[in-house]
Amino acid sequence: MKDETAKQIADTAEQVLKEIGISVEEIFKVTLRVPLSAKHKKLARIGVRHSLVEALKTAPEPTKSQRAEVFRLIEALKTAPYQIRSLLIQRAKALHHAPGGPPKKLSPAEEGLICAEVAALRGELGNREAVRRIAREKHVSERTIYRILRQRGLSRRKS
């Protein structure tokens, strides 16, 4: 490829990176995971451009249509961040919410014991008083006890 064509493609690529807010220094920082010093930033910028131009020179000279296609693709990269952002938003909306809520205060084994205790106390105290007493003992709400009873198939009986 001619020197002039290679430099033109390199310039366009560099301009697109600049327009979308990505610098060569940032690319090095991400890939090397180490920030560059001021001296090395300039060298990196020059080195990347030079390497790109040299790599392009080894390629065959593109036809006018191929050249137009390359520039069209490079220009399309300008809008890539915005398209990627909208795609990510669509994908994020499709995801389920993270499981939330407070952790359970009672284990399944404790829930089974609670059902047995409520059943035992129902005869002498009545359902409501049995639920109140167990709720106080276990430091949970009455509603929690009723929920456990309902999940286990034990309905509330009125006394």
C-alpha atoms as a PDB file:
ATOM      1  CA  MET A   1       0.000   0.000   0.000  1.00  0.00           C
ATOM      2  CA  LYS A   2       1.235   3.489  -0.746  1.00  0.00           C
ATOM      3  CA  ASP A   3       2.607   5.557   2.099  1.00  0.00           C
ATOM      4  CA  GLU A   4       0.004   8.256   1.457  1.00  0.00           C
ATOM      5  CA  THR A   5      -2.929   5.801   1.683  1.00  0.00           C
ATOM      6  CA  ALA A   6      -1.563   4.178   4.848  1.00  0.00           C
ATOM      7  CA  LYS A   7      -1.142   7.569   6.544  1.00  0.00           C
ATOM      8  CA  GLN A   8      -4.634   8.629   5.487  1.00  0.00           C
ATOM      9  CA  ILE A   9      -6.180   5.492   7.000  1.00  0.00           C
ATOM     10  CA  ALA A  10      -4.104   5.881  10.185  1.00  0.00           C
ATOM     11  CA  ASP A  11      -5.133   9.552  10.485  1.00  0.00           C
ATOM     12  CA  THR A  12      -8.804   8.667  10.073  1.00  0.00           C
ATOM     13  CA  ALA A  13      -8.591   5.881  12.663  1.00  0.00           C
ATOM     14  CA  GLU A  14      -6.805   8.197  15.105  1.00  0.00           C
ATOM     15  CA  GLN A  15      -9.416  10.902  14.554  1.00  0.00           C
ATOM     16  CA  VAL A  16     -12.279   8.475  15.202  1.00  0.00           C
ATOM     17  CA  LEU A  17     -10.671   7.322  18.445  1.00  0.00           C
ATOM     18  CA  LYS A  18     -10.286  10.937  19.505  1.00  0.00           C
ATOM     19  CA  GLU A  19     -13.914  11.739  18.629  1.00  0.00           C
ATOM     20  CA  ILE A  20     -15.296   8.860  20.656  1.00  0.00           C
ATOM     21  CA  GLY A  21     -13.085   9.831  23.583  1.00  0.00           C
ATOM     22  CA  ILE A  22     -10.502   7.050  23.560  1.00  0.00           C
ATOM     23  CA  SER A  23      -6.822   7.843  23.538  1.00  0.00           C
ATOM     24  CA  VAL A  24      -3.876   5.602  22.775  1.00  0.00           C
ATOM     25  CA  GLU A  25      -2.705   6.165  26.347  1.00  0.00           C
ATOM     26  CA  GLU A  26      -5.987   4.782  27.671  1.00  0.00           C
ATOM     27  CA  ILE A  27      -5.678   1.714  25.462  1.00  0.00           C
ATOM     28  CA  PHE A  28      -2.182   1.090  26.833  1.00  0.00           C
ATOM     29  CA  LYS A  29      -3.386   1.691  30.381  1.00  0.00           C
ATOM     30  CA  VAL A  30      -6.163  -0.889  29.967  1.00  0.00           C
ATOM     31  CA  THR A  31      -4.024  -3.486  28.187  1.00  0.00           C
ATOM     32  CA  LEU A  32      -0.912  -3.084  30.321  1.00  0.00           C
ATOM     33  CA  ARG A  33      -2.871  -2.317  33.532  1.00  0.00           C
ATOM     34  CA  VAL A  34      -0.255   0.298  34.365  1.00  0.00           C
ATOM     35  CA  PRO A  35      -0.549   4.046  33.756  1.00  0.00           C
ATOM     36  CA  LEU A  36       2.058   5.545  31.433  1.00  0.00           C
ATOM     37  CA  SER A  37       4.291   8.429  32.405  1.00  0.00           C
ATOM     38  CA  ALA A  38       4.052  11.684  30.398  1.00  0.00           C
ATOM     39  CA  LYS A  39       7.238  10.793  28.475  1.00  0.00           C
ATOM     40  CA  HIS A  40       5.904   7.352  27.571  1.00  0.00           C
ATOM     41  CA  LYS A  41       2.464   8.648  26.569  1.00  0.00           C
ATOM     42  CA  LYS A  42       3.962  10.634  23.708  1.00  0.00           C
ATOM     43  CA  LEU A  43       6.155   7.705  22.664  1.00  0.00           C
ATOM     44  CA  ALA A  44       3.166   5.359  22.762  1.00  0.00           C
ATOM     45  CA  ARG A  45       1.094   7.679  20.568  1.00  0.00           C
ATOM     46  CA  ILE A  46       3.929   7.988  18.016  1.00  0.00           C
ATOM     47  CA  GLY A  47       4.745   4.264  18.173  1.00  0.00           C
ATOM     48  CA  VAL A  48       1.164   3.122  17.632  1.00  0.00           C
ATOM     49  CA  ARG A  49       0.674   5.440  14.666  1.00  0.00           C
ATOM     50  CA  HIS A  50       4.006   4.383  13.150  1.00  0.00           C
ATOM     51  CA  SER A  51       3.230   0.675  13.678  1.00  0.00           C
ATOM     52  CA  LEU A  52      -0.176   1.061  12.064  1.00  0.00           C
ATOM     53  CA  VAL A  53       1.263   2.881   9.065  1.00  0.00           C
ATOM     54  CA  GLU A  54       4.007   0.256   8.648  1.00  0.00           C
ATOM     55  CA  ALA A  55       1.496  -2.597   8.925  1.00  0.00           C
ATOM     56  CA  LEU A  56      -0.752  -0.964   6.341  1.00  0.00           C
ATOM     57  CA  LYS A  57       2.183  -0.461   3.952  1.00  0.00           C
ATOM     58  CA  THR A  58       2.680  -4.229   3.754  1.00  0.00           C
ATOM     59  CA  ALA A  59      -0.924  -4.703   2.586  1.00  0.00           C
ATOM     60  CA  PRO A  60      -1.791  -4.439  -1.109  1.00  0.00           C
ATOM     61  CA  GLU A  61      -3.083  -1.111  -2.415  1.00  0.00           C
ATOM     62  CA  PRO A  62      -6.879  -1.091  -2.078  1.00  0.00           C
ATOM     63  CA  THR A  63      -9.143  -0.255  -5.010  1.00  0.00           C
ATOM     64  CA  LYS A  64     -11.294   2.861  -4.815  1.00  0.00           C
ATOM     65  CA  SER A  65     -14.295   0.818  -3.696  1.00  0.00           C
ATOM     66  CA  GLN A  66     -12.250  -1.032  -1.046  1.00  0.00           C
ATOM     67  CA  ARG A  67     -10.821   2.257   0.159  1.00  0.00           C
ATOM     68  CA  ALA A  68     -14.301   3.794   0.401  1.00  0.00           C
ATOM     69  CA  GLU A  69     -15.457   0.722   2.350  1.00  0.00           C
ATOM     70  CA  VAL A  70     -12.555   1.022   4.815  1.00  0.00           C
ATOM     71  CA  PHE A  71     -13.305   4.698   5.447  1.00  0.00           C
ATOM     72  CA  ARG A  72     -17.015   3.928   5.776  1.00  0.00           C
ATOM     73  CA  LEU A  73     -16.262   1.261   8.389  1.00  0.00           C
ATOM     74  CA  ILE A  74     -13.923   3.569  10.292  1.00  0.00           C
ATOM     75  CA  GLU A  75     -16.563   6.316  10.259  1.00  0.00           C
ATOM     76  CA  ALA A  76     -19.149   3.796  11.482  1.00  0.00           C
ATOM     77  CA  LEU A  77     -17.006   3.302  14.571  1.00  0.00           C
ATOM     78  CA  LYS A  78     -17.926   6.847  15.623  1.00  0.00           C
ATOM     79  CA  THR A  79     -21.454   5.724  16.436  1.00  0.00           C
ATOM     80  CA  ALA A  80     -20.448   2.335  17.871  1.00  0.00           C
ATOM     81  CA  PRO A  81     -20.421   3.443  21.540  1.00  0.00           C
ATOM     82  CA  TYR A  82     -23.970   4.758  21.250  1.00  0.00           C
ATOM     83  CA  GLN A  83     -25.199   1.611  19.530  1.00  0.00           C
ATOM     84  CA  ILE A  84     -23.469  -0.588  22.080  1.00  0.00           C
ATOM     85  CA  ARG A  85     -24.983   1.479  24.884  1.00  0.00           C
ATOM     86  CA  SER A  86     -28.508   1.039  23.540  1.00  0.00           C
ATOM     87  CA  LEU A  87     -27.892  -2.692  23.073  1.00  0.00           C
ATOM     88  CA  LEU A  88     -26.634  -2.999  26.653  1.00  0.00           C
ATOM     89  CA  ILE A  89     -29.687  -1.131  27.936  1.00  0.00           C
ATOM     90  CA  GLN A  90     -32.007  -3.496  26.051  1.00  0.00           C
ATOM     91  CA  ARG A  91     -30.180  -6.538  27.428  1.00  0.00           C
ATOM     92  CA  ALA A  92     -30.157  -5.129  30.966  1.00  0.00           C
ATOM     93  CA  LYS A  93     -33.916  -4.540  30.861  1.00  0.00           C
ATOM     94  CA  ALA A  94     -34.441  -8.172  29.884  1.00  0.00           C
ATOM     95  CA  LEU A  95     -32.564  -9.434  32.948  1.00  0.00           C
ATOM     96  CA  HIS A  96     -34.411 -10.412  36.103  1.00  0.00           C
ATOM     97  CA  HIS A  97     -34.025  -8.250  39.171  1.00  0.00           C
ATOM     98  CA  ALA A  98     -31.508  -9.392  41.717  1.00  0.00           C
ATOM     99  CA  PRO A  99     -33.094 -11.500  44.434  1.00  0.00           C
ATOM    100  CA  GLY A 100     -33.743  -9.184  47.290  1.00  0.00           C
ATOM    101  CA  GLY A 101     -35.458  -8.835  50.555  1.00  0.00           C
ATOM    102  CA  PRO A 102     -34.124  -9.453  54.005  1.00  0.00           C
ATOM    103  CA  PRO A 103     -32.638 -12.834  54.853  1.00  0.00           C
ATOM    104  CA  LYS A 104     -34.975 -15.390  56.393  1.00  0.00           C
ATOM    105  CA  LYS A 105     -34.973 -15.346  60.183  1.00  0.00           C
ATOM    106  CA  LEU A 106     -36.044 -18.959  60.456  1.00  0.00           C
ATOM    107  CA  SER A 107     -34.620 -22.068  58.833  1.00  0.00           C
ATOM    108  CA  PRO A 108     -36.910 -24.669  57.243  1.00  0.00           C
ATOM    109  CA  ALA A 109     -36.290 -26.957  60.241  1.00  0.00           C
ATOM    110  CA  GLU A 110     -37.367 -24.200  62.632  1.00  0.00           C
ATOM    111  CA  GLU A 111     -40.473 -23.610  60.511  1.00  0.00           C
ATOM    112  CA  GLY A 112     -41.432 -27.268  60.933  1.00  0.00           C
ATOM    113  CA  LEU A 113     -40.988 -26.981  64.705  1.00  0.00           C
ATOM    114  CA  ILE A 114     -43.111 -23.840  64.762  1.00  0.00           C
ATOM    115  CA  CYS A 115     -45.936 -25.653  62.991  1.00  0.00           C
ATOM    116  CA  ALA A 116     -45.785 -28.451  65.561  1.00  0.00           C
ATOM    117  CA  GLU A 117     -45.694 -25.990  68.479  1.00  0.00           C
ATOM    118  CA  VAL A 118     -48.655 -24.024  67.151  1.00  0.00           C
ATOM    119  CA  ALA A 119     -50.616 -27.260  66.624  1.00  0.00           C
ATOM    120  CA  ALA A 120     -49.832 -28.325  70.203  1.00  0.00           C
ATOM    121  CA  LEU A 121     -50.820 -24.961  71.718  1.00  0.00           C
ATOM    122  CA  ARG A 122     -54.006 -24.532  69.654  1.00  0.00           C
ATOM    123  CA  GLY A 123     -55.976 -26.897  71.854  1.00  0.00           C
ATOM    124  CA  GLU A 124     -55.361 -25.092  75.130  1.00  0.00           C
ATOM    125  CA  LEU A 125     -54.898 -21.438  73.998  1.00  0.00           C
ATOM    126  CA  GLY A 126     -56.661 -21.117  70.650  1.00  0.00           C
ATOM    127  CA  ASN A 127     -55.073 -20.333  67.301  1.00  0.00           C
ATOM    128  CA  ARG A 128     -54.523 -16.587  67.700  1.00  0.00           C
ATOM    129  CA  GLU A 129     -52.978 -16.805  71.176  1.00  0.00           C
ATOM    130  CA  ALA A 130     -50.811 -19.772  70.127  1.00  0.00           C
ATOM    131  CA  VAL A 131     -49.482 -17.787  67.154  1.00  0.00           C
ATOM    132  CA  ARG A 132     -48.817 -14.738  69.365  1.00  0.00           C
ATOM    133  CA  ARG A 133     -46.902 -16.748  71.933  1.00  0.00           C
ATOM    134  CA  ILE A 134     -44.721 -18.531  69.348  1.00  0.00           C
ATOM    135  CA  ALA A 135     -44.059 -15.242  67.525  1.00  0.00           C
ATOM    136  CA  ARG A 136     -42.829 -13.641  70.790  1.00  0.00           C
ATOM    137  CA  GLU A 137     -40.634 -16.639  71.606  1.00  0.00           C
ATOM    138  CA  LYS A 138     -39.039 -16.736  68.138  1.00  0.00           C
ATOM    139  CA  HIS A 139     -38.725 -12.932  67.791  1.00  0.00           C
ATOM    140  CA  VAL A 140     -40.710 -12.787  64.563  1.00  0.00           C
ATOM    141  CA  SER A 141     -44.017 -11.205  63.653  1.00  0.00           C
ATOM    142  CA  GLU A 142     -47.364 -12.950  63.919  1.00  0.00           C
ATOM    143  CA  ARG A 143     -47.710 -12.472  60.185  1.00  0.00           C
ATOM    144  CA  THR A 144     -44.537 -14.540  59.676  1.00  0.00           C
ATOM    145  CA  ILE A 145     -46.022 -17.382  61.713  1.00  0.00           C
ATOM    146  CA  TYR A 146     -49.271 -17.233  59.730  1.00  0.00           C
ATOM    147  CA  ARG A 147     -47.274 -17.244  56.483  1.00  0.00           C
ATOM    148  CA  ILE A 148     -45.357 -20.350  57.588  1.00  0.00           C
ATOM    149  CA  LEU A 149     -48.593 -22.108  58.533  1.00  0.00           C
ATOM    150  CA  ARG A 150     -50.155 -21.228  55.160  1.00  0.00           C
ATOM    151  CA  GLN A 151     -47.074 -22.413  53.209  1.00  0.00           C
ATOM    152  CA  ARG A 152     -47.144 -25.720  55.074  1.00  0.00           C
ATOM    153  CA  GLY A 153     -50.844 -26.206  54.361  1.00  0.00           C
ATOM    154  CA  LEU A 154     -52.041 -25.523  57.914  1.00  0.00           C
ATOM    155  CA  SER A 155     -54.833 -22.989  57.719  1.00  0.00           C
ATOM    156  CA  ARG A 156     -55.728 -20.619  60.513  1.00  0.00           C
ATOM    157  CA  ARG A 157     -58.507 -21.989  62.641  1.00  0.00           C
ATOM    158  CA  LYS A 158     -60.649 -19.623  64.606  1.00  0.00           C
ATOM    159  CA  SER A 159     -61.016 -20.568  68.256  1.00  0.00           C
END
